[in-house]
């Protein structure tokens, strides 16, 4: 049989072609599988039992910043409080009601199951007044009530990871009022009381193993079988025709179940080998995902919406699931000083901003310190981040010096001190609603200077 002819639903391929397409399919499908494993674990629990988790169609609000010993999530932020929900649109549109934030910055990014942010109500986009938004599934043709803005969702499951500006613990009560005003109601129940679906814990869900490890440890045949079932509910984007066509040559047809046992032996081998090769490709790409300027990794391209850059989308899903669009927030990472040396608390550092180098953000900015595992470090000030909402002391010329070190720089500099551990650490800057120069490469953070 000649190469390229049809055998069942797949195309007879040589080993190299089969391997290439299988690896491409692995990275293409990785975000979808990761999202669903994450969803199943996060929603397989009664509301209020674990902070940040609860059944689908239930808003879970995180009410405080994490304490020093918190280890559930790497690189937690100390700028916003979260409000999260997994929407289920399989029974029709769902209305998200947002209260007036009284000028407070917030964003409510909505991610489809392929991890693209397809909409983001919030201060930058829709303003800070109250609003009502209907998340509408594909193919729905009904009418919406007056005053309800339509948002078309690419997939019937949608993840919202809301963030509300929080100016320290003294600000919690005001933020809680906004969080409590967030409401979701099925359109079919508009004007009435929504009746939640009965909830039962699914004992088959692994509630202990982190989702990333669950996905990474899946055998190839199981992975592709699982992904095929997901694509029956969550269709590929219309711009994904090319990769969808290539997957079909493996017998993996979007919208159809897949049985690897029925595939050609060459394809079976490629599917078995795909996870190891796909993960190796992702790990090799991670160090070059961002441009590096003055030691800072400036990941300001193709974030939140990925187009056909499927490898980057997979990398972000692996280590930063739920990333925002860069227009809403960017997170430069600083693992080294301006000369490329790893940061270590046995040294003292200064981050000096000239007046025209201050982070250009329409909302606010911060610098957060983590240990090398990505967790905050206990310190006598209980200060894990520092930024423009803190009572910083600026120099006479408008410049700013931040002191990053293990011991106090002295009482006259204490307001600008970000305490560091005695050993290795790294920094993450956050710019919320960044200005254009933070995205187009005309601005970058200055290098961290070892004193």
Protein backbone atom coordinates (compact mmCIF):
# COMPACT_ATOMS: atom_id res chain seq x y z
CA UNK A 1 0.00 0.00 0.00
CA UNK A 2 1.40 3.38 -0.96
CA UNK A 3 2.18 6.07 1.58
CA UNK A 4 -0.79 8.37 2.07
CA UNK A 5 -3.51 5.84 1.23
CA UNK A 6 -6.37 5.24 3.62
CA UNK A 7 -6.59 2.29 6.00
CA UNK A 8 -9.84 2.43 8.00
CA UNK A 9 -10.21 5.94 9.43
CA UNK A 10 -6.48 6.64 9.56
CA UNK A 11 -3.84 7.13 6.93
CA UNK A 12 -0.97 4.69 6.55
CA UNK A 13 2.08 6.63 7.72
CA UNK A 14 5.72 5.88 7.99
CA UNK A 15 7.28 5.89 11.46
CA UNK A 16 8.69 9.40 11.26
CA UNK A 17 5.45 11.00 10.10
CA UNK A 18 3.42 9.14 12.68
CA UNK A 19 5.81 10.19 15.45
CA UNK A 20 5.81 13.85 14.37
CA UNK A 21 2.03 14.08 14.17
CA UNK A 22 1.57 12.25 17.48
CA UNK A 23 3.92 14.64 19.30
CA UNK A 24 2.20 17.61 17.67
CA UNK A 25 -1.17 16.20 18.76
CA UNK A 26 0.12 15.64 22.29
CA UNK A 27 1.14 19.27 22.77
CA UNK A 28 -2.00 20.52 21.00
CA UNK A 29 -4.26 18.53 23.34
CA UNK A 30 -2.24 19.08 26.54
CA UNK A 31 -4.13 22.23 27.68
CA UNK A 32 -7.52 20.61 27.10
CA UNK A 33 -6.63 17.51 29.11
CA UNK A 34 -4.99 19.58 31.86
CA UNK A 35 -8.01 21.86 32.16
CA UNK A 36 -10.40 18.94 32.52
CA UNK A 37 -8.27 17.11 35.09
CA UNK A 38 -8.00 20.38 37.01
CA UNK A 39 -11.75 20.98 36.75
CA UNK A 40 -12.65 17.51 37.95
CA UNK A 41 -10.42 17.78 41.00
CA UNK A 42 -11.36 21.37 41.88
CA UNK A 43 -15.12 20.79 41.62
CA UNK A 44 -15.36 17.34 43.22
CA UNK A 45 -15.92 18.73 46.71
CA UNK A 46 -18.70 20.35 48.70
CA UNK A 47 -18.83 24.16 48.76
CA UNK A 48 -16.97 25.72 51.67
CA UNK A 49 -15.00 22.61 52.56
CA UNK A 50 -11.69 23.66 50.98
CA UNK A 51 -10.66 27.24 50.23
CA UNK A 52 -10.87 27.97 46.52
CA UNK A 53 -12.76 24.79 45.60
CA UNK A 54 -16.38 23.86 45.15
CA UNK A 55 -18.91 22.32 42.76
CA UNK A 56 -19.42 23.65 39.26
CA UNK A 57 -21.67 26.70 39.06
CA UNK A 58 -20.57 27.74 42.55
CA UNK A 59 -18.50 30.89 43.07
CA UNK A 60 -15.66 30.29 45.53
CA UNK A 61 -14.15 33.43 47.03
CA UNK A 62 -10.74 33.53 48.65
CA UNK A 63 -11.04 36.01 51.48
CA UNK A 64 -7.43 36.63 52.60
CA UNK A 65 -3.90 36.61 51.31
CA UNK A 66 -2.14 33.29 51.93
CA UNK A 67 -0.09 33.00 55.13
CA UNK A 68 3.63 32.33 55.14
CA UNK A 69 3.16 28.57 55.47
CA UNK A 70 0.70 28.27 52.54
CA UNK A 71 1.92 25.70 49.99
CA UNK A 72 -1.11 24.78 47.86
CA UNK A 73 -0.28 27.00 44.88
CA UNK A 74 3.09 28.26 43.69
CA UNK A 75 3.70 31.98 43.25
CA UNK A 76 0.55 33.23 44.97
CA UNK A 77 -0.04 36.94 44.60
CA UNK A 78 -0.45 39.48 47.38
CA UNK A 79 -2.22 42.08 45.24
CA UNK A 80 -5.68 40.65 44.65
CA UNK A 81 -8.23 38.29 46.16
CA UNK A 82 -9.63 35.58 43.91
CA UNK A 83 -13.18 34.69 42.95
CA UNK A 84 -13.36 31.53 40.87
CA UNK A 85 -16.11 29.45 39.28
CA UNK A 86 -16.41 26.68 36.72
CA UNK A 87 -19.42 27.44 34.50
CA UNK A 88 -21.53 24.71 32.91
CA UNK A 89 -23.39 25.96 29.82
CA UNK A 90 -24.65 22.57 28.66
CA UNK A 91 -28.21 23.53 29.68
CA UNK A 92 -28.05 27.01 28.14
CA UNK A 93 -26.72 30.50 28.90
CA UNK A 94 -25.67 31.59 32.37
CA UNK A 95 -25.88 35.21 33.54
CA UNK A 96 -22.95 36.66 35.50
CA UNK A 97 -23.97 39.69 37.58
CA UNK A 98 -21.19 42.06 38.67
CA UNK A 99 -21.68 44.81 41.26
CA UNK A 100 -20.34 48.35 41.04
CA UNK A 101 -16.76 48.23 42.29
CA UNK A 102 -16.74 51.94 43.20
CA UNK A 103 -13.67 52.50 41.02
CA UNK A 104 -11.76 49.50 42.35
CA UNK A 105 -9.69 47.60 39.77
CA UNK A 106 -10.81 44.06 39.04
CA UNK A 107 -10.76 41.60 36.17
CA UNK A 108 -12.88 38.52 35.49
CA UNK A 109 -11.02 36.54 32.82
CA UNK A 110 -13.07 33.79 31.21
CA UNK A 111 -11.10 30.83 29.87
CA UNK A 112 -12.37 28.20 27.48
CA UNK A 113 -11.28 24.60 27.91
CA UNK A 114 -8.35 25.16 25.54
CA UNK A 115 -7.03 27.81 28.03
CA UNK A 116 -7.69 30.83 25.80
CA UNK A 117 -9.08 33.93 27.53
CA UNK A 118 -12.02 34.67 25.24
CA UNK A 119 -13.51 37.51 27.30
CA UNK A 120 -12.57 39.57 30.34
CA UNK A 121 -15.16 41.82 31.98
CA UNK A 122 -13.39 44.24 34.29
CA UNK A 123 -12.15 47.73 34.96
CA UNK A 124 -10.06 47.87 31.76
CA UNK A 125 -12.72 46.56 29.38
CA UNK A 126 -16.22 47.18 30.71
CA UNK A 127 -15.53 49.74 33.45
CA UNK A 128 -16.18 49.63 37.17
CA UNK A 129 -19.95 50.08 37.15
CA UNK A 130 -22.36 47.21 37.64
CA UNK A 131 -23.09 44.91 34.73
CA UNK A 132 -24.79 41.70 33.64
CA UNK A 133 -23.17 39.33 31.15
CA UNK A 134 -24.67 36.23 29.57
CA UNK A 135 -22.24 33.42 28.76
CA UNK A 136 -23.80 31.80 25.72
CA UNK A 137 -22.93 28.33 24.39
CA UNK A 138 -22.26 27.65 20.72
CA UNK A 139 -25.40 27.37 18.61
CA UNK A 140 -27.75 29.11 21.06
CA UNK A 141 -30.19 31.43 19.24
CA UNK A 142 -32.54 32.68 21.94
CA UNK A 143 -33.16 36.22 23.17
CA UNK A 144 -31.48 37.84 26.14
CA UNK A 145 -33.15 40.22 28.60
CA UNK A 146 -32.60 43.93 28.10
CA UNK A 147 -29.40 45.16 29.68
CA UNK A 148 -27.62 41.80 29.52
CA UNK A 149 -24.47 41.79 27.37
CA UNK A 150 -23.86 38.66 25.30
CA UNK A 151 -20.54 36.79 25.53
CA UNK A 152 -20.22 33.78 23.21
CA UNK A 153 -18.30 30.93 24.81
CA UNK A 154 -16.23 28.62 22.57
CA UNK A 155 -16.74 25.64 24.93
CA UNK A 156 -19.62 24.68 27.25
CA UNK A 157 -17.34 24.57 30.29
CA UNK A 158 -15.74 27.89 31.19
CA UNK A 159 -13.34 28.77 34.00
CA UNK A 160 -13.44 32.24 35.56
CA UNK A 161 -10.49 33.25 37.72
CA UNK A 162 -11.54 36.67 39.01
CA UNK A 163 -9.08 38.98 40.73
CA UNK A 164 -10.01 42.06 42.78
CA UNK A 165 -7.49 44.70 43.85
CA UNK A 166 -6.77 44.41 47.57
CA UNK A 167 -4.68 47.01 49.36
CA UNK A 168 -3.60 44.91 52.30
CA UNK A 169 -5.58 43.20 55.09
CA UNK A 170 -7.20 46.48 56.15
CA UNK A 171 -8.95 46.46 52.77
CA UNK A 172 -10.48 42.99 53.10
CA UNK A 173 -13.97 44.08 54.18
CA UNK A 174 -14.44 46.32 51.14
CA UNK A 175 -13.25 43.55 48.81
CA UNK A 176 -15.53 41.02 50.48
CA UNK A 177 -18.47 43.28 49.72
CA UNK A 178 -17.61 43.22 46.02
CA UNK A 179 -17.02 39.46 46.04
CA UNK A 180 -20.39 38.87 47.70
CA UNK A 181 -22.05 40.87 44.94
CA UNK A 182 -20.82 38.50 42.21
CA UNK A 183 -23.72 36.23 41.28
CA UNK A 184 -24.38 33.60 38.60
CA UNK A 185 -27.83 32.50 37.48
CA UNK A 186 -28.91 30.21 34.64
CA UNK A 187 -30.84 32.29 32.11
CA UNK A 188 -33.73 29.86 32.48
CA UNK A 189 -34.02 30.92 36.13
CA UNK A 190 -33.83 34.70 35.48
CA UNK A 191 -36.27 36.47 37.73
CA UNK A 192 -36.45 33.50 40.04
CA UNK A 193 -34.23 31.42 42.28
CA UNK A 194 -31.74 29.11 40.63
CA UNK A 195 -31.92 25.56 41.88
CA UNK A 196 -28.43 24.03 42.05
CA UNK A 197 -27.94 20.62 40.49
CA UNK A 198 -27.63 17.74 42.96
CA UNK A 199 -23.99 17.25 43.90
CA UNK A 200 -22.30 13.98 44.70
CA UNK A 201 -18.60 13.34 45.20
CA UNK A 202 -17.14 11.19 42.42
CA UNK A 203 -14.91 8.62 44.15
CA UNK A 204 -13.05 7.89 40.90
CA UNK A 205 -11.43 11.35 40.89
CA UNK A 206 -7.86 11.49 42.20
CA UNK A 207 -8.06 14.29 44.76
CA UNK A 208 -4.46 14.04 45.99
CA UNK A 209 -2.16 13.94 42.96
CA UNK A 210 -1.62 17.43 41.45
CA UNK A 211 -3.31 17.73 38.04
CA UNK A 212 -0.02 18.33 36.24
CA UNK A 213 1.39 15.04 37.52
CA UNK A 214 -1.80 13.21 36.65
CA UNK A 215 -1.57 14.44 33.06
CA UNK A 216 2.17 13.93 32.71
CA UNK A 217 1.90 10.35 33.95
CA UNK A 218 -0.88 9.31 31.56
CA UNK A 219 0.01 6.53 29.14
CA UNK A 220 -0.24 7.61 25.51
CA UNK A 221 -3.27 5.51 24.52
CA UNK A 222 -5.20 6.64 27.62
CA UNK A 223 -4.27 10.27 27.01
CA UNK A 224 -5.50 10.35 23.41
CA UNK A 225 -8.66 8.37 24.23
CA UNK A 226 -9.47 10.86 27.00
CA UNK A 227 -8.75 13.84 24.74
CA UNK A 228 -11.01 12.47 22.01
CA UNK A 229 -13.93 12.27 24.45
CA UNK A 230 -13.25 15.85 25.56
CA UNK A 231 -13.28 17.12 21.97
CA UNK A 232 -16.79 15.71 21.56
CA UNK A 233 -17.95 18.27 24.14
CA UNK A 234 -15.34 21.00 23.61
CA UNK A 235 -14.71 21.44 19.87
CA UNK A 236 -11.41 22.74 18.52
CA UNK A 237 -11.21 26.40 17.57
CA UNK A 238 -12.18 27.17 13.99
CA UNK A 239 -8.58 28.27 13.38
CA UNK A 240 -7.28 24.80 14.31
CA UNK A 241 -8.19 23.15 10.98
CA UNK A 242 -4.60 22.32 10.08
CA UNK A 243 -3.72 20.40 13.24
CA UNK A 244 -7.16 18.77 13.32
CA UNK A 245 -6.59 17.51 9.78
CA UNK A 246 -3.17 16.14 10.72
CA UNK A 247 -4.58 14.34 13.77
CA UNK A 248 -7.18 12.73 11.55
CA UNK A 249 -4.32 10.97 9.75
CA UNK A 250 -3.72 9.11 13.05
CA UNK A 251 -7.39 8.13 13.14
CA UNK A 252 -8.02 10.76 15.82
CA UNK A 253 -11.07 12.61 14.50
CA UNK A 254 -12.35 15.60 16.52
CA UNK A 255 -15.90 14.88 17.65
CA UNK A 256 -15.52 11.10 17.53
CA UNK A 257 -14.47 8.52 20.11
CA UNK A 258 -11.04 7.00 19.58
CA UNK A 259 -9.87 3.43 20.16
CA UNK A 260 -6.06 3.19 19.87
CA UNK A 261 -6.31 -0.60 19.63
CA UNK A 262 -7.85 -0.22 16.19
CA UNK A 263 -5.01 1.97 14.91
CA UNK A 264 -2.22 0.84 12.61
CA UNK A 265 0.73 -0.64 14.57
CA UNK A 266 2.95 2.26 13.46
CA UNK A 267 0.41 4.71 14.84
CA UNK A 268 0.05 2.71 18.05
CA UNK A 269 3.80 2.95 18.63
CA UNK A 270 3.76 6.70 17.93
CA UNK A 271 0.92 7.23 20.42
CA UNK A 272 2.75 5.26 23.09
CA UNK A 273 5.92 7.30 22.63
CA UNK A 274 4.21 10.70 22.28
CA UNK A 275 4.00 11.67 25.99
CA UNK A 276 7.74 11.34 26.64
CA UNK A 277 8.64 13.15 23.41
CA UNK A 278 5.98 15.82 23.89
CA UNK A 279 7.03 16.58 27.47
CA UNK A 280 10.67 16.71 26.39
CA UNK A 281 9.76 19.27 23.72
CA UNK A 282 7.86 21.35 26.27
CA UNK A 283 10.68 21.23 28.80
CA UNK A 284 13.19 22.23 26.13
CA UNK A 285 11.05 25.20 25.13
CA UNK A 286 10.36 26.54 28.63
CA UNK A 287 13.67 28.47 29.02
CA UNK A 288 13.15 30.38 25.77
CA UNK A 289 9.46 31.25 26.11
CA UNK A 290 10.23 34.81 27.21
CA UNK A 291 12.66 37.46 26.02
CA UNK A 292 15.24 38.31 28.68
CA UNK A 293 16.11 41.96 29.41
CA UNK A 294 18.40 43.03 32.27
CA UNK A 295 18.01 39.55 33.77
CA UNK A 296 14.19 39.75 33.77
CA UNK A 297 12.12 37.28 31.78
CA UNK A 298 9.61 39.47 29.93
CA UNK A 299 6.84 37.14 28.81
CA UNK A 300 4.71 39.69 26.97
CA UNK A 301 3.99 37.87 23.70
CA UNK A 302 1.25 35.33 22.92
CA UNK A 303 -0.08 34.96 26.45
CA UNK A 304 -3.70 34.28 27.33
CA UNK A 305 -4.59 33.92 23.64
CA UNK A 306 -2.21 31.66 21.75
CA UNK A 307 -3.38 31.31 18.14
CA UNK A 308 -1.58 28.34 16.62
CA UNK A 309 1.44 28.58 18.94
CA UNK A 310 0.39 25.28 20.47
CA UNK A 311 3.75 24.46 22.03
CA UNK A 312 3.76 27.66 24.07
CA UNK A 313 0.13 27.13 25.03
CA UNK A 314 1.06 23.69 26.36
CA UNK A 315 4.07 25.07 28.27
CA UNK A 316 1.93 27.74 29.94
CA UNK A 317 -0.75 25.17 30.80
CA UNK A 318 1.92 23.02 32.43
CA UNK A 319 3.46 25.67 34.69
CA UNK A 320 1.07 28.65 34.68
CA UNK A 321 -2.44 27.38 34.01
CA UNK A 322 -4.95 30.22 33.81
CA UNK A 323 -2.62 32.93 32.45
CA UNK A 324 -4.14 36.33 31.70
CA UNK A 325 -4.04 38.27 28.49
CA UNK A 326 -1.02 40.58 28.65
CA UNK A 327 -3.26 43.62 28.24
CA UNK A 328 -4.65 42.87 31.70
CA UNK A 329 -1.51 41.79 33.55
CA UNK A 330 2.12 40.88 32.89
CA UNK A 331 4.44 39.06 35.28
CA UNK A 332 8.16 39.62 34.56
CA UNK A 333 10.24 37.10 36.46
CA UNK A 334 13.63 37.92 37.97
CA UNK A 335 15.71 34.84 38.83
CA UNK A 336 19.09 36.60 38.48
CA UNK A 337 20.70 39.97 39.05
CA UNK A 338 21.63 42.36 36.26
CA UNK A 339 24.86 40.46 35.66
CA UNK A 340 23.15 37.10 35.35
CA UNK A 341 24.05 35.74 38.79
CA UNK A 342 21.36 33.83 40.72
CA UNK A 343 19.81 35.81 43.55
CA UNK A 344 20.83 34.76 47.04
CA UNK A 345 20.08 36.32 50.41
CA UNK A 346 23.70 36.08 51.50
CA UNK A 347 24.02 39.22 49.36
CA UNK A 348 22.20 42.56 49.56
CA UNK A 349 20.48 43.96 46.47
CA UNK A 350 19.03 47.24 45.27
CA UNK A 351 16.42 47.61 42.56
CA UNK A 352 16.80 51.20 41.39
CA UNK A 353 14.16 52.87 39.23
CA UNK A 354 14.92 56.18 37.63
CA UNK A 355 11.84 58.38 37.57
CA UNK A 356 11.13 57.43 33.95
CA UNK A 357 11.77 53.70 34.66
CA UNK A 358 8.95 53.16 37.14
CA UNK A 359 6.66 50.33 36.02
CA UNK A 360 4.09 51.74 33.56
CA UNK A 361 0.76 50.42 34.83
CA UNK A 362 -2.68 51.99 34.59
CA UNK A 363 -3.80 50.14 37.72
CA UNK A 364 -0.85 49.27 39.98
CA UNK A 365 2.39 47.28 40.20
CA UNK A 366 4.24 45.15 42.72
CA UNK A 367 7.36 43.05 43.29
CA UNK A 368 6.92 39.72 45.11
CA UNK A 369 9.70 37.55 46.54
CA UNK A 370 9.63 33.74 46.50
CA UNK A 371 12.01 30.96 47.43
CA UNK A 372 13.28 28.74 44.64
CA UNK A 373 10.27 26.46 44.99
CA UNK A 374 7.94 29.37 44.30
CA UNK A 375 6.66 30.00 47.82
CA UNK A 376 6.63 33.08 50.01
CA UNK A 377 9.17 33.31 52.82
CA UNK A 378 8.32 34.04 56.44
CA UNK A 379 9.92 37.29 57.66
CA UNK A 380 9.61 39.64 60.66
CA UNK A 381 7.52 42.18 58.71
CA UNK A 382 5.13 39.56 57.27
CA UNK A 383 5.80 41.40 54.00
CA UNK A 384 5.91 39.24 50.88
CA UNK A 385 5.45 41.94 48.24
CA UNK A 386 6.08 45.64 47.81
CA UNK A 387 4.71 48.10 45.30
CA UNK A 388 3.21 51.46 44.44
CA UNK A 389 0.31 51.08 46.90
CA UNK A 390 2.75 50.88 49.81
CA UNK A 391 4.02 54.03 51.61
CA UNK A 392 7.32 54.05 49.71
CA UNK A 393 9.97 56.71 50.18
CA UNK A 394 11.08 58.22 46.85
CA UNK A 395 14.36 60.02 46.27
CA UNK A 396 14.45 63.78 45.73
CA UNK A 397 14.75 63.33 41.96
CA UNK A 398 11.66 61.10 41.81
CA UNK A 399 13.65 57.88 41.53
CA UNK A 400 12.99 54.88 43.74
CA UNK A 401 15.26 52.38 45.49
CA UNK A 402 13.91 49.06 46.75
CA UNK A 403 16.15 47.17 49.17
CA UNK A 404 16.02 43.38 48.81
CA UNK A 405 18.03 41.73 51.55
CA UNK A 406 17.90 39.43 54.56
CA UNK A 407 18.49 42.01 57.30
CA UNK A 408 16.97 45.44 57.73
CA UNK A 409 18.61 48.20 55.66
CA UNK A 410 17.99 50.60 58.57
CA UNK A 411 15.02 52.54 59.93
CA UNK A 412 15.29 55.26 57.29
CA UNK A 413 14.94 52.67 54.50
CA UNK A 414 12.54 50.25 56.14
CA UNK A 415 9.54 51.39 54.10
CA UNK A 416 11.34 50.25 50.94
CA UNK A 417 12.61 46.91 52.29
CA UNK A 418 11.51 43.61 50.77
CA UNK A 419 12.83 40.96 53.18
CA UNK A 420 14.75 38.06 51.63
CA UNK A 421 15.68 34.64 53.04
CA UNK A 422 19.25 33.78 53.92
CA UNK A 423 19.52 31.58 50.83
CA UNK A 424 18.38 31.48 47.19
CA UNK A 425 15.29 33.36 46.05
CA UNK A 426 13.73 34.98 42.99
CA UNK A 427 11.36 37.83 42.21
CA UNK A 428 8.18 38.27 40.22
CA UNK A 429 7.00 41.70 39.17
CA UNK A 430 3.33 42.26 38.41
CA UNK A 431 1.92 45.07 36.30
CA UNK A 432 -1.86 45.27 36.26
CA UNK A 433 -3.40 46.91 33.18
CA UNK A 434 0.08 47.62 31.78
CA UNK A 435 0.62 50.58 29.48
CA UNK A 436 1.67 49.93 25.87
CA UNK A 437 5.38 50.48 26.52
CA UNK A 438 5.37 47.52 28.92
CA UNK A 439 4.20 45.28 26.08
CA UNK A 440 5.95 46.58 22.97
CA UNK A 441 9.51 46.28 24.28
CA UNK A 442 10.18 50.00 24.77
CA UNK A 443 10.28 49.57 28.57
CA UNK A 444 11.90 46.95 30.74
CA UNK A 445 12.65 46.55 34.40
CA UNK A 446 16.15 47.68 35.40
CA UNK A 447 18.64 45.05 36.43
CA UNK A 448 18.81 44.03 40.09
CA UNK A 449 22.13 45.34 41.46
CA UNK A 450 24.18 43.41 44.00
CA UNK A 451 25.49 45.79 46.64
